[in-house]
């Protein structure tokens, strides 16, 4: 019987660099870490980082709205403009930004090219 969600994870080529990005820039906390896997607490959701043993993370098609395949983690923000500057300073790539009736959205890549989003919902 399925009882819940264990985690959502991203592949990363440099575990130490990725852990620093997800903890220092995004604000997640390390729950568990070893050479090939790190579990992060993302405000009650378990996010995993899986080491590719130094191999590049495969690129998936994307545009200014996000990835065209797979899942995308959308983080909640109460100040997208401030968070955007922090992400840029840390080396993240901004793919797009939009303001709509449902909220303000920022689409970005982490240091390995994984696509994530920030959203300040209006509802």
PDB file of N, CA and C in Angstrom:
ATOM      1  N   UNK A   1       0.835  -1.176   0.000  1.00  0.00           N
ATOM      2  CA  UNK A   1       0.000   0.000   0.000  1.00  0.00           C
ATOM      3  C   UNK A   1       0.889   1.252   0.000  1.00  0.00           C
ATOM      4  N   UNK A   2       0.582   2.193  -0.859  1.00  0.00           N
ATOM      5  CA  UNK A   2       1.306   3.467  -0.904  1.00  0.00           C
ATOM      6  C   UNK A   2       0.846   4.308   0.277  1.00  0.00           C
ATOM      7  N   UNK A   3       1.835   4.869   1.002  1.00  0.00           N
ATOM      8  CA  UNK A   3       1.493   5.602   2.227  1.00  0.00           C
ATOM      9  C   UNK A   3       1.893   7.069   2.202  1.00  0.00           C
ATOM     10  N   UNK A   4       2.539   7.523   1.139  1.00  0.00           N
ATOM     11  CA  UNK A   4       2.941   8.923   1.085  1.00  0.00           C
ATOM     12  C   UNK A   4       4.063   9.153   0.098  1.00  0.00           C
ATOM     13  N   UNK A   5       4.653  10.323   0.161  1.00  0.00           N
ATOM     14  CA  UNK A   5       5.765  10.692  -0.715  1.00  0.00           C
ATOM     15  C   UNK A   5       7.054  10.565   0.080  1.00  0.00           C
ATOM     16  N   UNK A   6       8.010   9.815  -0.452  1.00  0.00           N
ATOM     17  CA  UNK A   6       9.316   9.687   0.195  1.00  0.00           C
ATOM     18  C   UNK A   6      10.185  10.906  -0.115  1.00  0.00           C
ATOM     19  N   UNK A   7      10.361  11.201  -1.402  1.00  0.00           N
ATOM     20  CA  UNK A   7      11.173  12.355  -1.773  1.00  0.00           C
ATOM     21  C   UNK A   7      10.981  12.694  -3.244  1.00  0.00           C
ATOM     22  N   UNK A   8      11.496  13.834  -3.595  1.00  0.00           N
ATOM     23  CA  UNK A   8      11.637  14.291  -4.970  1.00  0.00           C
ATOM     24  C   UNK A   8      13.121  14.574  -5.098  1.00  0.00           C
ATOM     25  N   UNK A   9      13.766  14.125  -6.182  1.00  0.00           N
ATOM     26  CA  UNK A   9      15.207  14.361  -6.235  1.00  0.00           C
ATOM     27  C   UNK A   9      15.682  14.868  -7.586  1.00  0.00           C
ATOM     28  N   UNK A  10      16.862  15.525  -7.515  1.00  0.00           N
ATOM     29  CA  UNK A  10      17.564  16.016  -8.693  1.00  0.00           C
ATOM     30  C   UNK A  10      18.943  15.379  -8.746  1.00  0.00           C
ATOM     31  N   UNK A  11      19.412  15.109  -9.949  1.00  0.00           N
ATOM     32  CA  UNK A  11      20.786  14.659 -10.144  1.00  0.00           C
ATOM     33  C   UNK A  11      21.710  15.860 -10.113  1.00  0.00           C
ATOM     34  N   UNK A  12      22.897  15.682  -9.511  1.00  0.00           N
ATOM     35  CA  UNK A  12      23.888  16.752  -9.423  1.00  0.00           C
ATOM     36  C   UNK A  12      25.270  16.193  -9.713  1.00  0.00           C
ATOM     37  N   UNK A  13      26.105  16.980 -10.369  1.00  0.00           N
ATOM     38  CA  UNK A  13      27.450  16.518 -10.720  1.00  0.00           C
ATOM     39  C   UNK A  13      28.471  16.761  -9.619  1.00  0.00           C
ATOM     40  N   UNK A  14      28.216  17.721  -8.731  1.00  0.00           N
ATOM     41  CA  UNK A  14      29.126  18.054  -7.634  1.00  0.00           C
ATOM     42  C   UNK A  14      28.288  18.179  -6.362  1.00  0.00           C
ATOM     43  N   UNK A  15      28.341  17.141  -5.526  1.00  0.00           N
ATOM     44  CA  UNK A  15      27.475  17.093  -4.345  1.00  0.00           C
ATOM     45  C   UNK A  15      27.735  18.256  -3.395  1.00  0.00           C
ATOM     46  N   UNK A  16      28.981  18.549  -3.084  1.00  0.00           N
ATOM     47  CA  UNK A  16      29.281  19.634  -2.140  1.00  0.00           C
ATOM     48  C   UNK A  16      28.753  20.977  -2.647  1.00  0.00           C
ATOM     49  N   UNK A  17      28.994  21.251  -3.924  1.00  0.00           N
ATOM     50  CA  UNK A  17      28.517  22.512  -4.514  1.00  0.00           C
ATOM     51  C   UNK A  17      26.990  22.576  -4.478  1.00  0.00           C
ATOM     52  N   UNK A  18      26.326  21.460  -4.811  1.00  0.00           N
ATOM     53  CA  UNK A  18      24.861  21.432  -4.814  1.00  0.00           C
ATOM     54  C   UNK A  18      24.294  21.619  -3.410  1.00  0.00           C
ATOM     55  N   UNK A  19      24.892  20.952  -2.417  1.00  0.00           N
ATOM     56  CA  UNK A  19      24.417  21.096  -1.039  1.00  0.00           C
ATOM     57  C   UNK A  19      24.555  22.545  -0.594  1.00  0.00           C
ATOM     58  N   UNK A  20      25.668  23.183  -0.921  1.00  0.00           N
ATOM     59  CA  UNK A  20      25.855  24.592  -0.568  1.00  0.00           C
ATOM     60  C   UNK A  20      24.781  25.461  -1.218  1.00  0.00           C
ATOM     61  N   UNK A  21      24.480  25.219  -2.492  1.00  0.00           N
ATOM     62  CA  UNK A  21      23.467  25.997  -3.207  1.00  0.00           C
ATOM     63  C   UNK A  21      22.085  25.813  -2.565  1.00  0.00           C
ATOM     64  N   UNK A  22      21.691  24.575  -2.336  1.00  0.00           N
ATOM     65  CA  UNK A  22      20.348  24.300  -1.820  1.00  0.00           C
ATOM     66  C   UNK A  22      20.176  24.718  -0.359  1.00  0.00           C
ATOM     67  N   UNK A  23      21.269  24.737   0.413  1.00  0.00           N
ATOM     68  CA  UNK A  23      21.155  25.155   1.812  1.00  0.00           C
ATOM     69  C   UNK A  23      21.390  26.647   1.978  1.00  0.00           C
ATOM     70  N   UNK A  24      22.479  27.175   1.443  1.00  0.00           N
ATOM     71  CA  UNK A  24      22.843  28.583   1.658  1.00  0.00           C
ATOM     72  C   UNK A  24      21.999  29.542   0.816  1.00  0.00           C
ATOM     73  N   UNK A  25      21.675  29.165  -0.406  1.00  0.00           N
ATOM     74  CA  UNK A  25      20.948  30.069  -1.306  1.00  0.00           C
ATOM     75  C   UNK A  25      19.434  29.873  -1.189  1.00  0.00           C
ATOM     76  N   UNK A  26      18.995  28.621  -1.230  1.00  0.00           N
ATOM     77  CA  UNK A  26      17.553  28.353  -1.207  1.00  0.00           C
ATOM     78  C   UNK A  26      17.021  28.246   0.219  1.00  0.00           C
ATOM     79  N   UNK A  27      17.820  27.754   1.161  1.00  0.00           N
ATOM     80  CA  UNK A  27      17.391  27.712   2.553  1.00  0.00           C
ATOM     81  C   UNK A  27      16.930  26.362   3.069  1.00  0.00           C
ATOM     82  N   UNK A  28      17.193  25.282   2.332  1.00  0.00           N
ATOM     83  CA  UNK A  28      16.842  23.945   2.809  1.00  0.00           C
ATOM     84  C   UNK A  28      17.854  23.515   3.866  1.00  0.00           C
ATOM     85  N   UNK A  29      17.507  22.471   4.623  1.00  0.00           N
ATOM     86  CA  UNK A  29      18.372  21.970   5.679  1.00  0.00           C
ATOM     87  C   UNK A  29      18.721  20.504   5.405  1.00  0.00           C
ATOM     88  N   UNK A  30      19.974  20.128   5.656  1.00  0.00           N
ATOM     89  CA  UNK A  30      20.416  18.753   5.433  1.00  0.00           C
ATOM     90  C   UNK A  30      19.815  17.844   6.504  1.00  0.00           C
ATOM     91  N   UNK A  31      19.177  16.758   6.047  1.00  0.00           N
ATOM     92  CA  UNK A  31      18.660  15.723   6.950  1.00  0.00           C
ATOM     93  C   UNK A  31      19.651  14.570   7.054  1.00  0.00           C
ATOM     94  N   UNK A  32      20.241  14.192   5.914  1.00  0.00           N
ATOM     95  CA  UNK A  32      21.138  13.043   5.834  1.00  0.00           C
ATOM     96  C   UNK A  32      22.040  13.261   4.635  1.00  0.00           C
ATOM     97  N   UNK A  33      23.299  12.852   4.767  1.00  0.00           N
ATOM     98  CA  UNK A  33      24.212  13.024   3.642  1.00  0.00           C
ATOM     99  C   UNK A  33      25.246  11.915   3.632  1.00  0.00           C
ATOM    100  N   UNK A  34      25.532  11.417   2.444  1.00  0.00           N
ATOM    101  CA  UNK A  34      26.628  10.495   2.191  1.00  0.00           C
ATOM    102  C   UNK A  34      27.170  10.817   0.804  1.00  0.00           C
ATOM    103  N   UNK A  35      28.128  10.062   0.327  1.00  0.00           N
ATOM    104  CA  UNK A  35      28.792  10.383  -0.945  1.00  0.00           C
ATOM    105  C   UNK A  35      27.827  10.503  -2.124  1.00  0.00           C
ATOM    106  N   UNK A  36      26.890   9.587  -2.267  1.00  0.00           N
ATOM    107  CA  UNK A  36      26.014   9.556  -3.442  1.00  0.00           C
ATOM    108  C   UNK A  36      24.630  10.163  -3.232  1.00  0.00           C
ATOM    109  N   UNK A  37      24.288  10.537  -2.000  1.00  0.00           N
ATOM    110  CA  UNK A  37      22.925  10.990  -1.729  1.00  0.00           C
ATOM    111  C   UNK A  37      22.905  11.989  -0.580  1.00  0.00           C
ATOM    112  N   UNK A  38      22.130  13.041  -0.745  1.00  0.00           N
ATOM    113  CA  UNK A  38      21.846  13.969   0.346  1.00  0.00           C
ATOM    114  C   UNK A  38      20.348  14.200   0.386  1.00  0.00           C
ATOM    115  N   UNK A  39      19.773  14.062   1.580  1.00  0.00           N
ATOM    116  CA  UNK A  39      18.357  14.367   1.796  1.00  0.00           C
ATOM    117  C   UNK A  39      18.264  15.743   2.439  1.00  0.00           C
ATOM    118  N   UNK A  40      17.416  16.578   1.884  1.00  0.00           N
ATOM    119  CA  UNK A  40      17.223  17.932   2.377  1.00  0.00           C
ATOM    120  C   UNK A  40      15.790  18.113   2.841  1.00  0.00           C
ATOM    121  N   UNK A  41      15.614  18.872   3.913  1.00  0.00           N
ATOM    122  CA  UNK A  41      14.285  19.236   4.386  1.00  0.00           C
ATOM    123  C   UNK A  41      13.903  20.550   3.727  1.00  0.00           C
ATOM    124  N   UNK A  42      12.891  20.501   2.887  1.00  0.00           N
ATOM    125  CA  UNK A  42      12.383  21.697   2.209  1.00  0.00           C
ATOM    126  C   UNK A  42      11.023  22.028   2.802  1.00  0.00           C
ATOM    127  N   UNK A  43      11.042  22.597   3.999  1.00  0.00           N
ATOM    128  CA  UNK A  43       9.820  23.022   4.668  1.00  0.00           C
ATOM    129  C   UNK A  43       8.819  21.880   4.785  1.00  0.00           C
ATOM    130  N   UNK A  44       9.336  20.703   5.191  1.00  0.00           N
ATOM    131  CA  UNK A  44       8.485  19.541   5.417  1.00  0.00           C
ATOM    132  C   UNK A  44       8.455  18.533   4.283  1.00  0.00           C
ATOM    133  N   UNK A  45       9.025  18.850   3.148  1.00  0.00           N
ATOM    134  CA  UNK A  45       9.111  17.918   2.027  1.00  0.00           C
ATOM    135  C   UNK A  45      10.560  17.487   1.867  1.00  0.00           C
ATOM    136  N   UNK A  46      10.779  16.193   1.655  1.00  0.00           N
ATOM    137  CA  UNK A  46      12.123  15.665   1.499  1.00  0.00           C
ATOM    138  C   UNK A  46      12.577  15.813   0.040  1.00  0.00           C
ATOM    139  N   UNK A  47      13.653  16.589  -0.154  1.00  0.00           N
ATOM    140  CA  UNK A  47      14.246  16.770  -1.478  1.00  0.00           C
ATOM    141  C   UNK A  47      15.579  16.049  -1.476  1.00  0.00           C
ATOM    142  N   UNK A  48      15.820  15.245  -2.486  1.00  0.00           N
ATOM    143  CA  UNK A  48      17.071  14.513  -2.573  1.00  0.00           C
ATOM    144  C   UNK A  48      17.985  15.072  -3.643  1.00  0.00           C
ATOM    145  N   UNK A  49      19.279  14.930  -3.402  1.00  0.00           N
ATOM    146  CA  UNK A  49      20.301  15.235  -4.399  1.00  0.00           C
ATOM    147  C   UNK A  49      21.050  13.938  -4.647  1.00  0.00           C
ATOM    148  N   UNK A  50      21.083  13.495  -5.892  1.00  0.00           N
ATOM    149  CA  UNK A  50      21.736  12.243  -6.259  1.00  0.00           C
ATOM    150  C   UNK A  50      22.976  12.547  -7.088  1.00  0.00           C
ATOM    151  N   UNK A  51      24.130  12.122  -6.622  1.00  0.00           N
ATOM    152  CA  UNK A  51      25.404  12.401  -7.288  1.00  0.00           C
ATOM    153  C   UNK A  51      25.564  11.567  -8.546  1.00  0.00           C
ATOM    154  N   UNK A  52      25.944  12.192  -9.627  1.00  0.00           N
ATOM    155  CA  UNK A  52      26.148  11.517 -10.914  1.00  0.00           C
ATOM    156  C   UNK A  52      27.574  10.990 -11.064  1.00  0.00           C
ATOM    157  N   UNK A  53      28.322  10.974  -9.963  1.00  0.00           N
ATOM    158  CA  UNK A  53      29.728  10.558  -9.965  1.00  0.00           C
ATOM    159  C   UNK A  53      30.558  11.445 -10.891  1.00  0.00           C
ATOM    160  N   UNK A  54      30.202  12.726 -10.918  1.00  0.00           N
ATOM    161  CA  UNK A  54      30.953  13.705 -11.689  1.00  0.00           C
ATOM    162  C   UNK A  54      30.534  13.839 -13.143  1.00  0.00           C
ATOM    163  N   UNK A  55      29.626  12.998 -13.594  1.00  0.00           N
ATOM    164  CA  UNK A  55      29.136  13.099 -14.972  1.00  0.00           C
ATOM    165  C   UNK A  55      28.156  14.267 -15.079  1.00  0.00           C
ATOM    166  N   UNK A  56      28.112  14.924 -16.232  1.00  0.00           N
ATOM    167  CA  UNK A  56      27.155  16.028 -16.385  1.00  0.00           C
ATOM    168  C   UNK A  56      25.711  15.540 -16.249  1.00  0.00           C
ATOM    169  N   UNK A  57      24.860  16.387 -15.737  1.00  0.00           N
ATOM    170  CA  UNK A  57      23.438  16.091 -15.659  1.00  0.00           C
ATOM    171  C   UNK A  57      22.865  16.272 -17.061  1.00  0.00           C
ATOM    172  N   UNK A  58      22.166  15.267 -17.590  1.00  0.00           N
ATOM    173  CA  UNK A  58      21.622  15.390 -18.952  1.00  0.00           C
ATOM    174  C   UNK A  58      20.696  16.600 -19.075  1.00  0.00           C
ATOM    175  N   UNK A  59      20.814  17.298 -20.170  1.00  0.00           N
ATOM    176  CA  UNK A  59      20.012  18.487 -20.444  1.00  0.00           C
ATOM    177  C   UNK A  59      18.652  18.062 -20.993  1.00  0.00           C
ATOM    178  N   UNK A  60      17.590  18.621 -20.436  1.00  0.00           N
ATOM    179  CA  UNK A  60      16.255  18.369 -20.979  1.00  0.00           C
ATOM    180  C   UNK A  60      15.752  19.664 -21.617  1.00  0.00           C
ATOM    181  N   UNK A  61      14.945  19.548 -22.662  1.00  0.00           N
ATOM    182  CA  UNK A  61      14.435  20.754 -23.321  1.00  0.00           C
ATOM    183  C   UNK A  61      13.685  21.643 -22.333  1.00  0.00           C
ATOM    184  N   UNK A  62      13.831  22.951 -22.489  1.00  0.00           N
ATOM    185  CA  UNK A  62      13.173  23.930 -21.624  1.00  0.00           C
ATOM    186  C   UNK A  62      13.018  25.238 -22.356  1.00  0.00           C
ATOM    187  N   UNK A  63      12.195  26.115 -21.805  1.00  0.00           N
ATOM    188  CA  UNK A  63      12.049  27.462 -22.330  1.00  0.00           C
ATOM    189  C   UNK A  63      11.811  28.399 -21.147  1.00  0.00           C
ATOM    190  N   UNK A  64      11.326  29.591 -21.401  1.00  0.00           N
ATOM    191  CA  UNK A  64      11.158  30.574 -20.337  1.00  0.00           C
ATOM    192  C   UNK A  64      10.041  30.210 -19.355  1.00  0.00           C
ATOM    193  N   UNK A  65       9.252  29.190 -19.672  1.00  0.00           N
ATOM    194  CA  UNK A  65       8.205  28.747 -18.747  1.00  0.00           C
ATOM    195  C   UNK A  65       8.639  27.528 -17.946  1.00  0.00           C
ATOM    196  N   UNK A  66       9.732  26.864 -18.354  1.00  0.00           N
ATOM    197  CA  UNK A  66      10.237  25.726 -17.589  1.00  0.00           C
ATOM    198  C   UNK A  66      10.589  24.538 -18.451  1.00  0.00           C
ATOM    199  N   UNK A  67      10.786  23.407 -17.768  1.00  0.00           N
ATOM    200  CA  UNK A  67      11.198  22.165 -18.431  1.00  0.00           C
ATOM    201  C   UNK A  67      10.047  21.601 -19.258  1.00  0.00           C
ATOM    202  N   UNK A  68      10.402  20.957 -20.372  1.00  0.00           N
ATOM    203  CA  UNK A  68       9.403  20.337 -21.242  1.00  0.00           C
ATOM    204  C   UNK A  68       9.187  18.871 -20.902  1.00  0.00           C
ATOM    205  N   UNK A  69       9.948  18.332 -19.946  1.00  0.00           N
ATOM    206  CA  UNK A  69       9.771  16.939 -19.542  1.00  0.00           C
ATOM    207  C   UNK A  69      10.108  16.793 -18.065  1.00  0.00           C
ATOM    208  N   UNK A  70       9.611  15.732 -17.469  1.00  0.00           N
ATOM    209  CA  UNK A  70       9.867  15.486 -16.065  1.00  0.00           C
ATOM    210  C   UNK A  70       9.079  16.428 -15.169  1.00  0.00           C
ATOM    211  N   UNK A  71       9.364  16.354 -13.882  1.00  0.00           N
ATOM    212  CA  UNK A  71       8.680  17.186 -12.897  1.00  0.00           C
ATOM    213  C   UNK A  71       9.520  18.427 -12.606  1.00  0.00           C
ATOM    214  N   UNK A  72       8.885  19.453 -12.069  1.00  0.00           N
ATOM    215  CA  UNK A  72       9.579  20.677 -11.677  1.00  0.00           C
ATOM    216  C   UNK A  72       9.170  21.039 -10.261  1.00  0.00           C
ATOM    217  N   UNK A  73      10.153  21.274  -9.411  1.00  0.00           N
ATOM    218  CA  UNK A  73       9.901  21.712  -8.042  1.00  0.00           C
ATOM    219  C   UNK A  73       9.601  23.204  -8.071  1.00  0.00           C
ATOM    220  N   UNK A  74       8.442  23.601  -7.534  1.00  0.00           N
ATOM    221  CA  UNK A  74       8.081  25.008  -7.426  1.00  0.00           C
ATOM    222  C   UNK A  74       8.116  25.390  -5.953  1.00  0.00           C
ATOM    223  N   UNK A  75       8.983  26.332  -5.628  1.00  0.00           N
ATOM    224  CA  UNK A  75       9.145  26.815  -4.265  1.00  0.00           C
ATOM    225  C   UNK A  75       8.321  28.082  -4.064  1.00  0.00           C
ATOM    226  N   UNK A  76       7.795  28.270  -2.865  1.00  0.00           N
ATOM    227  CA  UNK A  76       7.011  29.458  -2.556  1.00  0.00           C
ATOM    228  C   UNK A  76       7.945  30.565  -2.077  1.00  0.00           C
ATOM    229  N   UNK A  77       7.695  31.794  -2.513  1.00  0.00           N
ATOM    230  CA  UNK A  77       8.488  32.954  -2.130  1.00  0.00           C
ATOM    231  C   UNK A  77       7.565  34.115  -1.799  1.00  0.00           C
ATOM    232  N   UNK A  78       7.946  34.909  -0.795  1.00  0.00           N
ATOM    233  CA  UNK A  78       7.163  36.120  -0.524  1.00  0.00           C
ATOM    234  C   UNK A  78       7.868  37.359  -1.062  1.00  0.00           C
ATOM    235  N   UNK A  79       9.044  37.163  -1.710  1.00  0.00           N
ATOM    236  CA  UNK A  79       9.782  38.265  -2.331  1.00  0.00           C
ATOM    237  C   UNK A  79      10.616  37.715  -3.479  1.00  0.00           C
ATOM    238  N   UNK A  80       9.976  37.491  -4.614  1.00  0.00           N
ATOM    239  CA  UNK A  80      10.644  36.903  -5.770  1.00  0.00           C
ATOM    240  C   UNK A  80      11.803  37.779  -6.248  1.00  0.00           C
ATOM    241  N   UNK A  81      11.653  39.086  -6.203  1.00  0.00           N
ATOM    242  CA  UNK A  81      12.705  40.000  -6.666  1.00  0.00           C
ATOM    243  C   UNK A  81      13.974  39.833  -5.834  1.00  0.00           C
ATOM    244  N   UNK A  82      13.854  39.772  -4.517  1.00  0.00           N
ATOM    245  CA  UNK A  82      15.017  39.578  -3.650  1.00  0.00           C
ATOM    246  C   UNK A  82      15.636  38.199  -3.874  1.00  0.00           C
ATOM    247  N   UNK A  83      14.785  37.175  -3.964  1.00  0.00           N
ATOM    248  CA  UNK A  83      15.289  35.821  -4.181  1.00  0.00           C
ATOM    249  C   UNK A  83      15.973  35.692  -5.537  1.00  0.00           C
ATOM    250  N   UNK A  84      15.464  36.386  -6.537  1.00  0.00           N
ATOM    251  CA  UNK A  84      16.071  36.367  -7.866  1.00  0.00           C
ATOM    252  C   UNK A  84      17.509  36.886  -7.794  1.00  0.00           C
ATOM    253  N   UNK A  85      17.726  37.978  -7.111  1.00  0.00           N
ATOM    254  CA  UNK A  85      19.081  38.543  -6.985  1.00  0.00           C
ATOM    255  C   UNK A  85      20.017  37.570  -6.273  1.00  0.00           C
ATOM    256  N   UNK A  86      19.532  36.927  -5.232  1.00  0.00           N
ATOM    257  CA  UNK A  86      20.319  35.935  -4.493  1.00  0.00           C
ATOM    258  C   UNK A  86      20.694  34.763  -5.399  1.00  0.00           C
ATOM    259  N   UNK A  87      19.749  34.303  -6.199  1.00  0.00           N
ATOM    260  CA  UNK A  87      20.000  33.196  -7.130  1.00  0.00           C
ATOM    261  C   UNK A  87      21.039  33.583  -8.184  1.00  0.00           C
ATOM    262  N   UNK A  88      20.905  34.786  -8.746  1.00  0.00           N
ATOM    263  CA  UNK A  88      21.854  35.258  -9.760  1.00  0.00           C
ATOM    264  C   UNK A  88      23.255  35.344  -9.166  1.00  0.00           C
ATOM    265  N   UNK A  89      23.375  35.902  -7.972  1.00  0.00           N
ATOM    266  CA  UNK A  89      24.686  36.021  -7.325  1.00  0.00           C
ATOM    267  C   UNK A  89      25.317  34.660  -7.066  1.00  0.00           C
ATOM    268  N   UNK A  90      24.497  33.628  -6.847  1.00  0.00           N
ATOM    269  CA  UNK A  90      24.995  32.282  -6.577  1.00  0.00           C
ATOM    270  C   UNK A  90      25.320  31.512  -7.854  1.00  0.00           C
ATOM    271  N   UNK A  91      25.003  32.069  -9.029  1.00  0.00           N
ATOM    272  CA  UNK A  91      25.327  31.414 -10.289  1.00  0.00           C
ATOM    273  C   UNK A  91      24.176  30.706 -10.967  1.00  0.00           C
ATOM    274  N   UNK A  92      22.958  30.839 -10.444  1.00  0.00           N
ATOM    275  CA  UNK A  92      21.793  30.239 -11.094  1.00  0.00           C
ATOM    276  C   UNK A  92      21.507  30.980 -12.400  1.00  0.00           C
ATOM    277  N   UNK A  93      20.897  30.278 -13.341  1.00  0.00           N
ATOM    278  CA  UNK A  93      20.512  30.865 -14.621  1.00  0.00           C
ATOM    279  C   UNK A  93      19.016  31.144 -14.610  1.00  0.00           C
ATOM    280  N   UNK A  94      18.636  32.373 -14.878  1.00  0.00           N
ATOM    281  CA  UNK A  94      17.216  32.737 -14.936  1.00  0.00           C
ATOM    282  C   UNK A  94      16.707  32.426 -16.337  1.00  0.00           C
ATOM    283  N   UNK A  95      15.644  31.638 -16.411  1.00  0.00           N
ATOM    284  CA  UNK A  95      15.052  31.262 -17.698  1.00  0.00           C
ATOM    285  C   UNK A  95      13.874  32.155 -18.073  1.00  0.00           C
ATOM    286  N   UNK A  96      13.140  32.624 -17.077  1.00  0.00           N
ATOM    287  CA  UNK A  96      11.977  33.454 -17.369  1.00  0.00           C
ATOM    288  C   UNK A  96      11.335  33.968 -16.101  1.00  0.00           C
ATOM    289  N   UNK A  97      10.450  34.923 -16.279  1.00  0.00           N
ATOM    290  CA  UNK A  97       9.717  35.510 -15.158  1.00  0.00           C
ATOM    291  C   UNK A  97       8.394  36.013 -15.699  1.00  0.00           C
ATOM    292  N   UNK A  98       7.339  35.839 -14.916  1.00  0.00           N
ATOM    293  CA  UNK A  98       6.028  36.301 -15.370  1.00  0.00           C
ATOM    294  C   UNK A  98       5.168  36.697 -14.186  1.00  0.00           C
ATOM    295  N   UNK A  99       4.256  37.599 -14.448  1.00  0.00           N
ATOM    296  CA  UNK A  99       3.274  38.007 -13.464  1.00  0.00           C
ATOM    297  C   UNK A  99       1.914  37.723 -14.076  1.00  0.00           C
ATOM    298  N   UNK A 100       1.098  36.955 -13.371  1.00  0.00           N
ATOM    299  CA  UNK A 100      -0.212  36.570 -13.892  1.00  0.00           C
ATOM    300  C   UNK A 100      -1.251  36.700 -12.778  1.00  0.00           C
ATOM    301  N   UNK A 101      -2.489  36.443 -13.109  1.00  0.00           N
ATOM    302  CA  UNK A 101      -3.576  36.553 -12.137  1.00  0.00           C
ATOM    303  C   UNK A 101      -3.363  35.619 -10.947  1.00  0.00           C
ATOM    304  N   UNK A 102      -2.693  34.498 -11.160  1.00  0.00           N
ATOM    305  CA  UNK A 102      -2.475  33.505 -10.100  1.00  0.00           C
ATOM    306  C   UNK A 102      -1.219  33.753  -9.282  1.00  0.00           C
ATOM    307  N   UNK A 103      -0.287  34.614  -9.768  1.00  0.00           N
ATOM    308  CA  UNK A 103       0.910  34.900  -8.987  1.00  0.00           C
ATOM    309  C   UNK A 103       2.095  35.358  -9.816  1.00  0.00           C
ATOM    310  N   UNK A 104       3.185  35.648  -9.125  1.00  0.00           N
ATOM    311  CA  UNK A 104       4.450  36.061  -9.747  1.00  0.00           C
ATOM    312  C   UNK A 104       5.358  34.838  -9.765  1.00  0.00           C
ATOM    313  N   UNK A 105       5.881  34.473 -10.941  1.00  0.00           N
ATOM    314  CA  UNK A 105       6.659  33.243 -11.114  1.00  0.00           C
ATOM    315  C   UNK A 105       8.033  33.560 -11.682  1.00  0.00           C
ATOM    316  N   UNK A 106       9.057  32.911 -11.132  1.00  0.00           N
ATOM    317  CA  UNK A 106      10.424  32.981 -11.639  1.00  0.00           C
ATOM    318  C   UNK A 106      10.865  31.569 -11.965  1.00  0.00           C
ATOM    319  N   UNK A 107      11.371  31.360 -13.168  1.00  0.00           N
ATOM    320  CA  UNK A 107      11.846  30.056 -13.607  1.00  0.00           C
ATOM    321  C   UNK A 107      13.356  30.134 -13.696  1.00  0.00           C
ATOM    322  N   UNK A 108      14.065  29.160 -13.074  1.00  0.00           N
ATOM    323  CA  UNK A 108      15.521  29.207 -13.062  1.00  0.00           C
ATOM    324  C   UNK A 108      16.127  27.813 -13.088  1.00  0.00           C
ATOM    325  N   UNK A 109      17.422  27.771 -13.393  1.00  0.00           N
ATOM    326  CA  UNK A 109      18.197  26.531 -13.351  1.00  0.00           C
ATOM    327  C   UNK A 109      19.145  26.597 -12.161  1.00  0.00           C
ATOM    328  N   UNK A 110      19.309  25.454 -11.462  1.00  0.00           N
ATOM    329  CA  UNK A 110      20.335  25.387 -10.435  1.00  0.00           C
ATOM    330  C   UNK A 110      21.705  25.283 -11.120  1.00  0.00           C
ATOM    331  N   UNK A 111      22.758  25.040 -10.379  1.00  0.00           N
ATOM    332  CA  UNK A 111      24.110  25.044 -10.945  1.00  0.00           C
ATOM    333  C   UNK A 111      24.379  23.863 -11.864  1.00  0.00           C
ATOM    334  N   UNK A 112      23.507  22.839 -11.842  1.00  0.00           N
ATOM    335  CA  UNK A 112      23.632  21.677 -12.731  1.00  0.00           C
ATOM    336  C   UNK A 112      22.641  21.709 -13.885  1.00  0.00           C
ATOM    337  N   UNK A 113      21.875  22.800 -14.017  1.00  0.00           N
ATOM    338  CA  UNK A 113      20.906  22.914 -15.102  1.00  0.00           C
ATOM    339  C   UNK A 113      19.549  22.317 -14.790  1.00  0.00           C
ATOM    340  N   UNK A 114      19.316  21.886 -13.538  1.00  0.00           N
ATOM    341  CA  UNK A 114      17.992  21.402 -13.151  1.00  0.00           C
ATOM    342  C   UNK A 114      17.042  22.594 -13.062  1.00  0.00           C
ATOM    343  N   UNK A 115      15.827  22.432 -13.590  1.00  0.00           N
ATOM    344  CA  UNK A 115      14.859  23.528 -13.626  1.00  0.00           C
ATOM    345  C   UNK A 115      14.022  23.535 -12.347  1.00  0.00           C
ATOM    346  N   UNK A 116      13.917  24.705 -11.738  1.00  0.00           N
ATOM    347  CA  UNK A 116      13.073  24.945 -10.574  1.00  0.00           C
ATOM    348  C   UNK A 116      12.290  26.231 -10.808  1.00  0.00           C
ATOM    349  N   UNK A 117      11.289  26.459  -9.985  1.00  0.00           N
ATOM    350  CA  UNK A 117      10.503  27.683 -10.074  1.00  0.00           C
ATOM    351  C   UNK A 117      10.321  28.277  -8.678  1.00  0.00           C
ATOM    352  N   UNK A 118      10.165  29.586  -8.634  1.00  0.00           N
ATOM    353  CA  UNK A 118       9.750  30.307  -7.428  1.00  0.00           C
ATOM    354  C   UNK A 118       8.410  30.949  -7.750  1.00  0.00           C
ATOM    355  N   UNK A 119       7.496  30.894  -6.783  1.00  0.00           N
ATOM    356  CA  UNK A 119       6.188  31.504  -7.016  1.00  0.00           C
ATOM    357  C   UNK A 119       5.726  32.238  -5.779  1.00  0.00           C
ATOM    358  N   UNK A 120       5.239  33.445  -5.997  1.00  0.00           N
ATOM    359  CA  UNK A 120       4.550  34.202  -4.968  1.00  0.00           C
ATOM    360  C   UNK A 120       3.083  34.196  -5.386  1.00  0.00           C
ATOM    361  N   UNK A 121       2.301  33.262  -4.812  1.00  0.00           N
ATOM    362  CA  UNK A 121       0.901  33.149  -5.245  1.00  0.00           C
ATOM    363  C   UNK A 121       0.066  34.346  -4.801  1.00  0.00           C
ATOM    364  N   UNK A 122      -0.931  34.673  -5.613  1.00  0.00           N
ATOM    365  CA  UNK A 122      -1.835  35.778  -5.294  1.00  0.00           C
ATOM    366  C   UNK A 122      -3.127  35.282  -4.652  1.00  0.00           C
ATOM    367  N   UNK A 123      -3.248  34.011  -4.468  1.00  0.00           N
ATOM    368  CA  UNK A 123      -4.482  33.465  -3.866  1.00  0.00           C
ATOM    369  C   UNK A 123      -4.194  32.862  -2.515  1.00  0.00           C
TER     370      UNK A 123
END
